[in-house]
């Protein structure tokens, strides 16, 4: 009987060990239509093929702030967004982790005005209405370019709108400028409905970032690394299978292929998804402090404390 009990105990320990090493049963991943790499991963079912034991749920969001709100309340496991949404989420008490980053795409961030607008310099935004998604990467760009000319958020009239509503306000003339990102930027520019006032080149932007809830990431570290690896393969399709990727993304995003092709010209060179370096952490903390100085955050997020070390 002792031998039987010992054997049962050993089998139980082995089962627990195997369960700990097994992939999770569910992965809920947040994405935006403009996130080309994630859209390609979804459409090619790369995660589903690599992790057949895991049910992958793709959940679309109009912008990063809404995605990080879902992450905060436990409706998502991982997400992909710009540099600012995680700072707002941290300030709201979200128990999240930065799990990876890609090179910044400064050419994909823009402040637009109408083609015939009298505004030709950032300083001329003073007193004007500027549409933007609050807590987005475009919000960061706007603050930084205003600061360079001695202005802050109080010197303009921010109109906080989700991208689709902001576009409608911009095209109707209800606002004077629009801080936005691709593919919205490329779409209105190619249609001749906007003129570029400035983009993200120069202000030292970082991100985008991959985020995860701390419990999910810490419970499934090897799985998370494998997911990031596969998402890196998906992003590589933009560069290595360009024509097919343009066609697929145009269909999914319901945009002309010319728009997708334009967005590709705004992307940084291909690099793998990497952990956050000390330099990126410091830059992200400076961004958090900028938002705090403008009284846009209720408290100072500690970026380093939310970085996954692996």
C-alpha atoms as a PDB file:
ATOM      1  CA  UNK A   1       0.000   0.000   0.000  1.00  0.00           C
ATOM      2  CA  UNK A   2       2.905   2.356   0.777  1.00  0.00           C
ATOM      3  CA  UNK A   3       4.311   1.775  -2.707  1.00  0.00           C
ATOM      4  CA  UNK A   4       0.911   2.462  -4.293  1.00  0.00           C
ATOM      5  CA  UNK A   5       0.530   5.669  -2.273  1.00  0.00           C
ATOM      6  CA  UNK A   6       4.065   6.777  -3.205  1.00  0.00           C
ATOM      7  CA  UNK A   7       3.415   6.074  -6.887  1.00  0.00           C
ATOM      8  CA  UNK A   8       0.179   8.028  -6.720  1.00  0.00           C
ATOM      9  CA  UNK A   9       1.960  10.929  -5.074  1.00  0.00           C
ATOM     10  CA  UNK A  10       4.674  10.972  -7.735  1.00  0.00           C
ATOM     11  CA  UNK A  11       2.083  10.857 -10.520  1.00  0.00           C
ATOM     12  CA  UNK A  12       0.254  13.713  -8.842  1.00  0.00           C
ATOM     13  CA  UNK A  13       3.411  15.815  -8.704  1.00  0.00           C
ATOM     14  CA  UNK A  14       4.150  15.058 -12.359  1.00  0.00           C
ATOM     15  CA  UNK A  15       0.630  16.067 -13.335  1.00  0.00           C
ATOM     16  CA  UNK A  16       0.997  19.355 -11.465  1.00  0.00           C
ATOM     17  CA  UNK A  17       4.340  20.014 -13.121  1.00  0.00           C
ATOM     18  CA  UNK A  18       2.906  19.306 -16.571  1.00  0.00           C
ATOM     19  CA  UNK A  19      -0.068  21.557 -15.856  1.00  0.00           C
ATOM     20  CA  UNK A  20       2.265  24.361 -14.817  1.00  0.00           C
ATOM     21  CA  UNK A  21       4.195  23.981 -18.077  1.00  0.00           C
ATOM     22  CA  UNK A  22       1.099  23.666 -20.258  1.00  0.00           C
ATOM     23  CA  UNK A  23      -0.152  26.546 -22.346  1.00  0.00           C
ATOM     24  CA  UNK A  24      -3.144  28.389 -20.861  1.00  0.00           C
ATOM     25  CA  UNK A  25      -6.587  27.361 -22.083  1.00  0.00           C
ATOM     26  CA  UNK A  26      -7.525  30.899 -23.153  1.00  0.00           C
ATOM     27  CA  UNK A  27      -5.681  33.977 -24.447  1.00  0.00           C
ATOM     28  CA  UNK A  28      -7.697  37.184 -24.781  1.00  0.00           C
ATOM     29  CA  UNK A  29      -5.738  39.626 -26.909  1.00  0.00           C
ATOM     30  CA  UNK A  30      -6.689  43.226 -27.629  1.00  0.00           C
ATOM     31  CA  UNK A  31      -5.897  44.914 -30.917  1.00  0.00           C
ATOM     32  CA  UNK A  32      -6.848  47.844 -33.118  1.00  0.00           C
ATOM     33  CA  UNK A  33      -7.594  47.696 -36.830  1.00  0.00           C
ATOM     34  CA  UNK A  34      -4.570  49.875 -37.436  1.00  0.00           C
ATOM     35  CA  UNK A  35      -2.225  47.429 -35.685  1.00  0.00           C
ATOM     36  CA  UNK A  36      -0.985  45.782 -38.863  1.00  0.00           C
ATOM     37  CA  UNK A  37       1.124  43.073 -37.239  1.00  0.00           C
ATOM     38  CA  UNK A  38      -1.658  41.879 -34.945  1.00  0.00           C
ATOM     39  CA  UNK A  39      -4.221  41.979 -37.740  1.00  0.00           C
ATOM     40  CA  UNK A  40      -1.943  39.812 -39.874  1.00  0.00           C
ATOM     41  CA  UNK A  41      -1.421  37.404 -36.976  1.00  0.00           C
ATOM     42  CA  UNK A  42      -5.193  37.166 -36.551  1.00  0.00           C
ATOM     43  CA  UNK A  43      -5.999  36.712 -40.221  1.00  0.00           C
ATOM     44  CA  UNK A  44      -3.270  34.094 -40.758  1.00  0.00           C
ATOM     45  CA  UNK A  45      -4.239  32.398 -37.453  1.00  0.00           C
ATOM     46  CA  UNK A  46      -0.581  32.262 -36.445  1.00  0.00           C
ATOM     47  CA  UNK A  47      -1.287  32.029 -32.711  1.00  0.00           C
ATOM     48  CA  UNK A  48      -4.020  29.455 -33.203  1.00  0.00           C
ATOM     49  CA  UNK A  49      -1.653  27.256 -35.224  1.00  0.00           C
ATOM     50  CA  UNK A  50       1.234  27.559 -32.791  1.00  0.00           C
ATOM     51  CA  UNK A  51      -0.879  27.045 -29.658  1.00  0.00           C
ATOM     52  CA  UNK A  52      -3.621  24.572 -30.617  1.00  0.00           C
ATOM     53  CA  UNK A  53      -4.508  23.902 -26.965  1.00  0.00           C
ATOM     54  CA  UNK A  54      -5.227  27.594 -26.341  1.00  0.00           C
ATOM     55  CA  UNK A  55      -8.451  29.295 -27.407  1.00  0.00           C
ATOM     56  CA  UNK A  56      -7.391  32.665 -28.778  1.00  0.00           C
ATOM     57  CA  UNK A  57      -9.971  35.435 -28.491  1.00  0.00           C
ATOM     58  CA  UNK A  58      -9.263  38.555 -30.556  1.00  0.00           C
ATOM     59  CA  UNK A  59     -11.015  41.652 -29.205  1.00  0.00           C
ATOM     60  CA  UNK A  60     -10.999  44.844 -31.267  1.00  0.00           C
ATOM     61  CA  UNK A  61     -10.844  48.345 -29.751  1.00  0.00           C
ATOM     62  CA  UNK A  62     -11.106  51.796 -31.382  1.00  0.00           C
ATOM     63  CA  UNK A  63      -8.013  53.066 -29.525  1.00  0.00           C
ATOM     64  CA  UNK A  64      -5.507  52.250 -26.809  1.00  0.00           C
ATOM     65  CA  UNK A  65      -7.263  53.873 -23.823  1.00  0.00           C
ATOM     66  CA  UNK A  66     -10.350  51.691 -24.236  1.00  0.00           C
ATOM     67  CA  UNK A  67      -8.129  48.626 -24.589  1.00  0.00           C
ATOM     68  CA  UNK A  68      -6.168  49.371 -21.431  1.00  0.00           C
ATOM     69  CA  UNK A  69      -9.406  49.975 -19.530  1.00  0.00           C
ATOM     70  CA  UNK A  70     -10.429  46.433 -20.468  1.00  0.00           C
ATOM     71  CA  UNK A  71      -7.013  45.180 -19.357  1.00  0.00           C
ATOM     72  CA  UNK A  72      -7.470  46.985 -16.055  1.00  0.00           C
ATOM     73  CA  UNK A  73     -10.799  45.321 -15.266  1.00  0.00           C
ATOM     74  CA  UNK A  74      -9.558  41.862 -16.253  1.00  0.00           C
ATOM     75  CA  UNK A  75     -11.373  41.535 -19.588  1.00  0.00           C
ATOM     76  CA  UNK A  76      -8.080  41.109 -21.488  1.00  0.00           C
ATOM     77  CA  UNK A  77      -4.852  39.194 -20.951  1.00  0.00           C
ATOM     78  CA  UNK A  78      -2.521  41.089 -23.282  1.00  0.00           C
ATOM     79  CA  UNK A  79      -2.812  44.091 -25.563  1.00  0.00           C
ATOM     80  CA  UNK A  80      -0.815  46.262 -27.944  1.00  0.00           C
ATOM     81  CA  UNK A  81      -0.910  50.026 -27.815  1.00  0.00           C
ATOM     82  CA  UNK A  82       1.017  53.270 -27.946  1.00  0.00           C
ATOM     83  CA  UNK A  83       3.042  54.849 -25.189  1.00  0.00           C
ATOM     84  CA  UNK A  84       0.383  56.812 -23.292  1.00  0.00           C
ATOM     85  CA  UNK A  85      -2.497  54.384 -22.536  1.00  0.00           C
ATOM     86  CA  UNK A  86      -0.393  52.279 -20.131  1.00  0.00           C
ATOM     87  CA  UNK A  87       0.504  55.404 -18.150  1.00  0.00           C
ATOM     88  CA  UNK A  88      -3.169  56.291 -17.677  1.00  0.00           C
ATOM     89  CA  UNK A  89      -3.904  52.675 -16.793  1.00  0.00           C
ATOM     90  CA  UNK A  90      -1.101  52.621 -14.204  1.00  0.00           C
ATOM     91  CA  UNK A  91      -2.329  55.881 -12.728  1.00  0.00           C
ATOM     92  CA  UNK A  92      -5.787  54.304 -12.424  1.00  0.00           C
ATOM     93  CA  UNK A  93      -4.310  51.395 -10.461  1.00  0.00           C
ATOM     94  CA  UNK A  94      -4.080  48.770 -13.198  1.00  0.00           C
ATOM     95  CA  UNK A  95      -1.831  45.846 -12.281  1.00  0.00           C
ATOM     96  CA  UNK A  96      -0.207  45.589 -15.695  1.00  0.00           C
ATOM     97  CA  UNK A  97       3.233  44.760 -17.035  1.00  0.00           C
ATOM     98  CA  UNK A  98       5.149  46.062 -20.030  1.00  0.00           C
ATOM     99  CA  UNK A  99       6.117  42.774 -21.701  1.00  0.00           C
ATOM    100  CA  UNK A 100       7.762  43.998 -24.898  1.00  0.00           C
ATOM    101  CA  UNK A 101       8.282  46.889 -27.278  1.00  0.00           C
ATOM    102  CA  UNK A 102       8.869  47.693 -30.931  1.00  0.00           C
ATOM    103  CA  UNK A 103      10.753  50.622 -32.450  1.00  0.00           C
ATOM    104  CA  UNK A 104       8.751  53.849 -32.440  1.00  0.00           C
ATOM    105  CA  UNK A 105       7.006  54.863 -35.671  1.00  0.00           C
ATOM    106  CA  UNK A 106       7.250  58.662 -35.468  1.00  0.00           C
ATOM    107  CA  UNK A 107       6.177  59.156 -39.079  1.00  0.00           C
ATOM    108  CA  UNK A 108       2.887  57.407 -38.295  1.00  0.00           C
ATOM    109  CA  UNK A 109       1.916  60.055 -35.704  1.00  0.00           C
ATOM    110  CA  UNK A 110       0.697  63.373 -37.043  1.00  0.00           C
ATOM    111  CA  UNK A 111      -0.980  66.673 -36.359  1.00  0.00           C
ATOM    112  CA  UNK A 112      -3.160  67.610 -39.316  1.00  0.00           C
ATOM    113  CA  UNK A 113      -4.906  70.761 -40.474  1.00  0.00           C
ATOM    114  CA  UNK A 114      -7.240  71.390 -43.396  1.00  0.00           C
ATOM    115  CA  UNK A 115      -5.515  71.943 -46.763  1.00  0.00           C
ATOM    116  CA  UNK A 116      -6.559  75.613 -46.812  1.00  0.00           C
ATOM    117  CA  UNK A 117      -6.003  76.243 -43.086  1.00  0.00           C
ATOM    118  CA  UNK A 118      -4.215  79.467 -42.110  1.00  0.00           C
ATOM    119  CA  UNK A 119      -2.257  77.445 -39.532  1.00  0.00           C
ATOM    120  CA  UNK A 120       1.303  76.733 -40.682  1.00  0.00           C
ATOM    121  CA  UNK A 121       3.204  76.623 -37.389  1.00  0.00           C
ATOM    122  CA  UNK A 122       2.624  74.803 -34.099  1.00  0.00           C
ATOM    123  CA  UNK A 123       2.593  78.146 -32.267  1.00  0.00           C
ATOM    124  CA  UNK A 124      -0.468  79.089 -34.318  1.00  0.00           C
ATOM    125  CA  UNK A 125      -2.469  76.374 -32.572  1.00  0.00           C
ATOM    126  CA  UNK A 126      -2.767  78.725 -29.587  1.00  0.00           C
ATOM    127  CA  UNK A 127      -6.438  79.229 -28.789  1.00  0.00           C
ATOM    128  CA  UNK A 128      -7.488  76.729 -31.459  1.00  0.00           C
ATOM    129  CA  UNK A 129      -9.601  73.593 -31.175  1.00  0.00           C
ATOM    130  CA  UNK A 130      -7.570  70.391 -31.567  1.00  0.00           C
ATOM    131  CA  UNK A 131      -9.309  67.012 -31.766  1.00  0.00           C
ATOM    132  CA  UNK A 132      -7.557  64.029 -30.202  1.00  0.00           C
ATOM    133  CA  UNK A 133      -8.119  60.800 -28.312  1.00  0.00           C
ATOM    134  CA  UNK A 134      -7.367  61.569 -24.684  1.00  0.00           C
ATOM    135  CA  UNK A 135      -4.586  59.394 -23.279  1.00  0.00           C
ATOM    136  CA  UNK A 136      -3.334  58.294 -26.693  1.00  0.00           C
ATOM    137  CA  UNK A 137       0.055  58.437 -28.399  1.00  0.00           C
ATOM    138  CA  UNK A 138      -1.248  61.437 -30.364  1.00  0.00           C
ATOM    139  CA  UNK A 139      -1.876  63.180 -27.042  1.00  0.00           C
ATOM    140  CA  UNK A 140       1.802  62.738 -26.237  1.00  0.00           C
ATOM    141  CA  UNK A 141       2.888  64.145 -29.596  1.00  0.00           C
ATOM    142  CA  UNK A 142       0.656  67.179 -29.109  1.00  0.00           C
ATOM    143  CA  UNK A 143       2.036  67.945 -25.636  1.00  0.00           C
ATOM    144  CA  UNK A 144       5.626  67.592 -26.821  1.00  0.00           C
ATOM    145  CA  UNK A 145       5.336  69.833 -29.867  1.00  0.00           C
ATOM    146  CA  UNK A 146       3.437  72.449 -27.856  1.00  0.00           C
ATOM    147  CA  UNK A 147       6.161  72.432 -25.201  1.00  0.00           C
ATOM    148  CA  UNK A 148       8.827  73.042 -27.869  1.00  0.00           C
ATOM    149  CA  UNK A 149       7.200  76.396 -28.696  1.00  0.00           C
ATOM    150  CA  UNK A 150       6.519  77.350 -25.085  1.00  0.00           C
ATOM    151  CA  UNK A 151       2.869  76.301 -24.965  1.00  0.00           C
ATOM    152  CA  UNK A 152       0.943  73.700 -22.976  1.00  0.00           C
ATOM    153  CA  UNK A 153      -2.439  72.034 -23.100  1.00  0.00           C
ATOM    154  CA  UNK A 154      -4.111  75.067 -21.479  1.00  0.00           C
ATOM    155  CA  UNK A 155      -3.075  77.234 -24.408  1.00  0.00           C
ATOM    156  CA  UNK A 156      -5.289  75.309 -26.828  1.00  0.00           C
ATOM    157  CA  UNK A 157      -8.841  73.982 -26.744  1.00  0.00           C
ATOM    158  CA  UNK A 158      -8.528  70.184 -26.648  1.00  0.00           C
ATOM    159  CA  UNK A 159     -11.563  68.334 -27.994  1.00  0.00           C
ATOM    160  CA  UNK A 160     -11.382  64.753 -26.764  1.00  0.00           C
ATOM    161  CA  UNK A 161     -12.897  62.382 -29.305  1.00  0.00           C
ATOM    162  CA  UNK A 162     -12.364  58.797 -30.455  1.00  0.00           C
ATOM    163  CA  UNK A 163     -10.725  58.611 -33.916  1.00  0.00           C
ATOM    164  CA  UNK A 164     -13.902  58.124 -35.978  1.00  0.00           C
ATOM    165  CA  UNK A 165     -15.677  61.019 -34.249  1.00  0.00           C
ATOM    166  CA  UNK A 166     -12.553  63.167 -34.455  1.00  0.00           C
ATOM    167  CA  UNK A 167     -12.363  62.617 -38.205  1.00  0.00           C
ATOM    168  CA  UNK A 168     -15.971  63.713 -38.613  1.00  0.00           C
ATOM    169  CA  UNK A 169     -15.314  66.840 -36.553  1.00  0.00           C
ATOM    170  CA  UNK A 170     -12.163  67.598 -38.523  1.00  0.00           C
ATOM    171  CA  UNK A 171     -13.764  67.185 -41.934  1.00  0.00           C
ATOM    172  CA  UNK A 172     -16.783  69.283 -40.936  1.00  0.00           C
ATOM    173  CA  UNK A 173     -14.534  72.114 -39.789  1.00  0.00           C
ATOM    174  CA  UNK A 174     -15.692  71.870 -36.175  1.00  0.00           C
ATOM    175  CA  UNK A 175     -12.068  71.702 -35.041  1.00  0.00           C
ATOM    176  CA  UNK A 176      -8.962  73.444 -36.352  1.00  0.00           C
ATOM    177  CA  UNK A 177      -6.525  70.534 -36.136  1.00  0.00           C
ATOM    178  CA  UNK A 178      -6.424  66.807 -35.482  1.00  0.00           C
ATOM    179  CA  UNK A 179      -3.745  64.829 -33.636  1.00  0.00           C
ATOM    180  CA  UNK A 180      -3.955  61.270 -34.950  1.00  0.00           C
ATOM    181  CA  UNK A 181      -2.064  58.185 -36.089  1.00  0.00           C
ATOM    182  CA  UNK A 182      -2.130  55.748 -38.998  1.00  0.00           C
ATOM    183  CA  UNK A 183      -4.104  54.538 -40.869  1.00  0.00           C
ATOM    184  CA  UNK A 184      -6.413  57.519 -40.229  1.00  0.00           C
ATOM    185  CA  UNK A 185      -3.588  59.929 -41.032  1.00  0.00           C
ATOM    186  CA  UNK A 186      -2.679  58.308 -44.352  1.00  0.00           C
ATOM    187  CA  UNK A 187      -6.325  57.962 -45.372  1.00  0.00           C
ATOM    188  CA  UNK A 188      -7.284  61.628 -45.033  1.00  0.00           C
ATOM    189  CA  UNK A 189      -3.979  62.812 -46.475  1.00  0.00           C
ATOM    190  CA  UNK A 190      -4.324  60.679 -49.624  1.00  0.00           C
ATOM    191  CA  UNK A 191      -7.898  61.883 -50.049  1.00  0.00           C
ATOM    192  CA  UNK A 192      -6.616  65.453 -50.070  1.00  0.00           C
ATOM    193  CA  UNK A 193      -8.607  66.312 -46.941  1.00  0.00           C
ATOM    194  CA  UNK A 194      -5.645  67.212 -44.738  1.00  0.00           C
ATOM    195  CA  UNK A 195      -2.250  68.869 -44.672  1.00  0.00           C
ATOM    196  CA  UNK A 196       0.533  67.691 -42.382  1.00  0.00           C
ATOM    197  CA  UNK A 197       1.456  70.299 -39.793  1.00  0.00           C
ATOM    198  CA  UNK A 198       4.020  68.094 -38.072  1.00  0.00           C
ATOM    199  CA  UNK A 199       4.712  64.451 -37.298  1.00  0.00           C
ATOM    200  CA  UNK A 200       6.443  62.566 -34.490  1.00  0.00           C
ATOM    201  CA  UNK A 201       9.989  62.893 -35.806  1.00  0.00           C
ATOM    202  CA  UNK A 202      12.182  64.713 -33.331  1.00  0.00           C
ATOM    203  CA  UNK A 203      10.312  64.706 -29.998  1.00  0.00           C
ATOM    204  CA  UNK A 204      11.848  61.377 -28.901  1.00  0.00           C
ATOM    205  CA  UNK A 205       8.787  59.121 -28.945  1.00  0.00           C
ATOM    206  CA  UNK A 206       9.002  55.525 -27.719  1.00  0.00           C
ATOM    207  CA  UNK A 207       6.749  52.505 -28.045  1.00  0.00           C
ATOM    208  CA  UNK A 208       4.486  50.947 -29.151  1.00  0.00           C
ATOM    209  CA  UNK A 209       4.256  48.476 -26.292  1.00  0.00           C
ATOM    210  CA  UNK A 210       2.876  45.040 -25.576  1.00  0.00           C
ATOM    211  CA  UNK A 211       1.146  44.919 -22.194  1.00  0.00           C
ATOM    212  CA  UNK A 212      -0.197  42.104 -20.061  1.00  0.00           C
ATOM    213  CA  UNK A 213      -1.955  41.684 -16.755  1.00  0.00           C
ATOM    214  CA  UNK A 214       0.566  40.809 -14.059  1.00  0.00           C
ATOM    215  CA  UNK A 215      -1.160  37.581 -12.876  1.00  0.00           C
ATOM    216  CA  UNK A 216      -1.483  36.208 -16.430  1.00  0.00           C
ATOM    217  CA  UNK A 217       2.082  37.043 -17.405  1.00  0.00           C
ATOM    218  CA  UNK A 218       3.641  35.714 -14.213  1.00  0.00           C
ATOM    219  CA  UNK A 219       1.618  32.493 -14.433  1.00  0.00           C
ATOM    220  CA  UNK A 220       2.523  31.884 -18.097  1.00  0.00           C
ATOM    221  CA  UNK A 221       6.018  33.322 -18.710  1.00  0.00           C
ATOM    222  CA  UNK A 222       7.184  30.816 -21.351  1.00  0.00           C
ATOM    223  CA  UNK A 223       3.868  31.093 -23.174  1.00  0.00           C
ATOM    224  CA  UNK A 224       4.099  34.902 -23.216  1.00  0.00           C
ATOM    225  CA  UNK A 225       7.593  34.761 -24.705  1.00  0.00           C
ATOM    226  CA  UNK A 226       6.373  32.364 -27.384  1.00  0.00           C
ATOM    227  CA  UNK A 227       3.402  34.637 -28.163  1.00  0.00           C
ATOM    228  CA  UNK A 228       5.712  37.627 -28.596  1.00  0.00           C
ATOM    229  CA  UNK A 229       7.935  35.545 -30.852  1.00  0.00           C
ATOM    230  CA  UNK A 230       4.971  34.608 -33.061  1.00  0.00           C
ATOM    231  CA  UNK A 231       3.712  38.186 -33.167  1.00  0.00           C
ATOM    232  CA  UNK A 232       7.182  39.182 -34.310  1.00  0.00           C
ATOM    233  CA  UNK A 233       6.832  36.731 -37.201  1.00  0.00           C
ATOM    234  CA  UNK A 234       3.485  38.339 -38.052  1.00  0.00           C
ATOM    235  CA  UNK A 235       5.016  41.811 -38.097  1.00  0.00           C
ATOM    236  CA  UNK A 236       7.774  40.555 -40.400  1.00  0.00           C
ATOM    237  CA  UNK A 237       5.117  39.763 -43.025  1.00  0.00           C
ATOM    238  CA  UNK A 238       4.682  43.508 -43.545  1.00  0.00           C
ATOM    239  CA  UNK A 239       8.242  43.631 -44.820  1.00  0.00           C
ATOM    240  CA  UNK A 240       8.711  40.145 -46.307  1.00  0.00           C
ATOM    241  CA  UNK A 241       5.282  39.569 -47.874  1.00  0.00           C
ATOM    242  CA  UNK A 242       4.414  43.153 -48.636  1.00  0.00           C
ATOM    243  CA  UNK A 243       2.010  42.798 -51.558  1.00  0.00           C
ATOM    244  CA  UNK A 244      -0.121  40.084 -49.941  1.00  0.00           C
ATOM    245  CA  UNK A 245      -0.118  41.941 -46.622  1.00  0.00           C
ATOM    246  CA  UNK A 246      -1.333  45.129 -48.303  1.00  0.00           C
ATOM    247  CA  UNK A 247      -4.210  43.271 -49.971  1.00  0.00           C
ATOM    248  CA  UNK A 248      -5.239  41.468 -46.792  1.00  0.00           C
ATOM    249  CA  UNK A 249      -5.040  44.548 -44.562  1.00  0.00           C
ATOM    250  CA  UNK A 250      -6.964  46.648 -47.078  1.00  0.00           C
ATOM    251  CA  UNK A 251      -9.780  44.096 -46.989  1.00  0.00           C
ATOM    252  CA  UNK A 252      -9.865  43.821 -43.202  1.00  0.00           C
ATOM    253  CA  UNK A 253      -9.572  47.557 -42.564  1.00  0.00           C
ATOM    254  CA  UNK A 254     -11.968  48.375 -45.414  1.00  0.00           C
ATOM    255  CA  UNK A 255      -9.477  50.864 -46.829  1.00  0.00           C
ATOM    256  CA  UNK A 256      -7.961  51.325 -50.296  1.00  0.00           C
ATOM    257  CA  UNK A 257      -4.706  49.474 -50.856  1.00  0.00           C
ATOM    258  CA  UNK A 258      -3.029  52.817 -51.504  1.00  0.00           C
ATOM    259  CA  UNK A 259      -3.731  53.826 -47.900  1.00  0.00           C
ATOM    260  CA  UNK A 260      -2.170  50.654 -46.513  1.00  0.00           C
ATOM    261  CA  UNK A 261       0.811  51.086 -48.803  1.00  0.00           C
ATOM    262  CA  UNK A 262       1.247  54.650 -47.506  1.00  0.00           C
ATOM    263  CA  UNK A 263       1.130  53.495 -43.879  1.00  0.00           C
ATOM    264  CA  UNK A 264       3.931  51.018 -44.621  1.00  0.00           C
ATOM    265  CA  UNK A 265       6.180  53.916 -45.657  1.00  0.00           C
ATOM    266  CA  UNK A 266       5.744  55.367 -42.154  1.00  0.00           C
ATOM    267  CA  UNK A 267       6.996  52.260 -40.338  1.00  0.00           C
ATOM    268  CA  UNK A 268      10.348  51.881 -38.606  1.00  0.00           C
ATOM    269  CA  UNK A 269      12.833  49.246 -39.857  1.00  0.00           C
ATOM    270  CA  UNK A 270      12.061  45.630 -38.998  1.00  0.00           C
ATOM    271  CA  UNK A 271      13.370  44.580 -35.594  1.00  0.00           C
ATOM    272  CA  UNK A 272      12.201  41.802 -33.254  1.00  0.00           C
ATOM    273  CA  UNK A 273       9.931  42.512 -30.305  1.00  0.00           C
ATOM    274  CA  UNK A 274      12.332  43.218 -27.452  1.00  0.00           C
ATOM    275  CA  UNK A 275      12.241  43.734 -23.685  1.00  0.00           C
ATOM    276  CA  UNK A 276      12.313  47.326 -22.475  1.00  0.00           C
ATOM    277  CA  UNK A 277      15.815  48.738 -22.075  1.00  0.00           C
ATOM    278  CA  UNK A 278      16.793  51.161 -19.314  1.00  0.00           C
ATOM    279  CA  UNK A 279      16.833  53.908 -21.948  1.00  0.00           C
ATOM    280  CA  UNK A 280      13.237  53.195 -22.995  1.00  0.00           C
ATOM    281  CA  UNK A 281      12.091  52.961 -19.369  1.00  0.00           C
ATOM    282  CA  UNK A 282      13.682  56.341 -18.629  1.00  0.00           C
ATOM    283  CA  UNK A 283      12.073  57.895 -21.722  1.00  0.00           C
ATOM    284  CA  UNK A 284       8.659  56.495 -20.797  1.00  0.00           C
ATOM    285  CA  UNK A 285       9.030  57.840 -17.258  1.00  0.00           C
ATOM    286  CA  UNK A 286       9.835  61.295 -18.667  1.00  0.00           C
ATOM    287  CA  UNK A 287       6.623  61.083 -20.680  1.00  0.00           C
ATOM    288  CA  UNK A 288       4.682  60.183 -17.529  1.00  0.00           C
ATOM    289  CA  UNK A 289       6.177  63.189 -15.765  1.00  0.00           C
ATOM    290  CA  UNK A 290       5.215  65.451 -18.678  1.00  0.00           C
ATOM    291  CA  UNK A 291       1.582  64.356 -18.380  1.00  0.00           C
ATOM    292  CA  UNK A 292       1.714  64.810 -14.620  1.00  0.00           C
ATOM    293  CA  UNK A 293       3.083  68.349 -15.042  1.00  0.00           C
ATOM    294  CA  UNK A 294       0.128  69.109 -17.324  1.00  0.00           C
ATOM    295  CA  UNK A 295      -2.207  67.732 -14.639  1.00  0.00           C
ATOM    296  CA  UNK A 296      -3.483  65.037 -16.957  1.00  0.00           C
ATOM    297  CA  UNK A 297      -2.610  62.183 -14.593  1.00  0.00           C
ATOM    298  CA  UNK A 298      -3.922  61.906 -11.021  1.00  0.00           C
ATOM    299  CA  UNK A 299      -0.630  60.503  -9.731  1.00  0.00           C
ATOM    300  CA  UNK A 300       2.869  59.626 -10.918  1.00  0.00           C
ATOM    301  CA  UNK A 301       3.129  56.135 -12.443  1.00  0.00           C
ATOM    302  CA  UNK A 302       6.319  54.213 -11.696  1.00  0.00           C
ATOM    303  CA  UNK A 303       7.198  52.770 -15.091  1.00  0.00           C
ATOM    304  CA  UNK A 304      10.130  50.653 -13.892  1.00  0.00           C
ATOM    305  CA  UNK A 305       7.914  48.878 -11.354  1.00  0.00           C
ATOM    306  CA  UNK A 306       5.612  47.708 -14.165  1.00  0.00           C
ATOM    307  CA  UNK A 307       8.317  46.283 -16.463  1.00  0.00           C
ATOM    308  CA  UNK A 308       8.458  42.514 -16.847  1.00  0.00           C
ATOM    309  CA  UNK A 309      12.025  41.342 -16.273  1.00  0.00           C
ATOM    310  CA  UNK A 310      12.854  38.233 -18.271  1.00  0.00           C
END
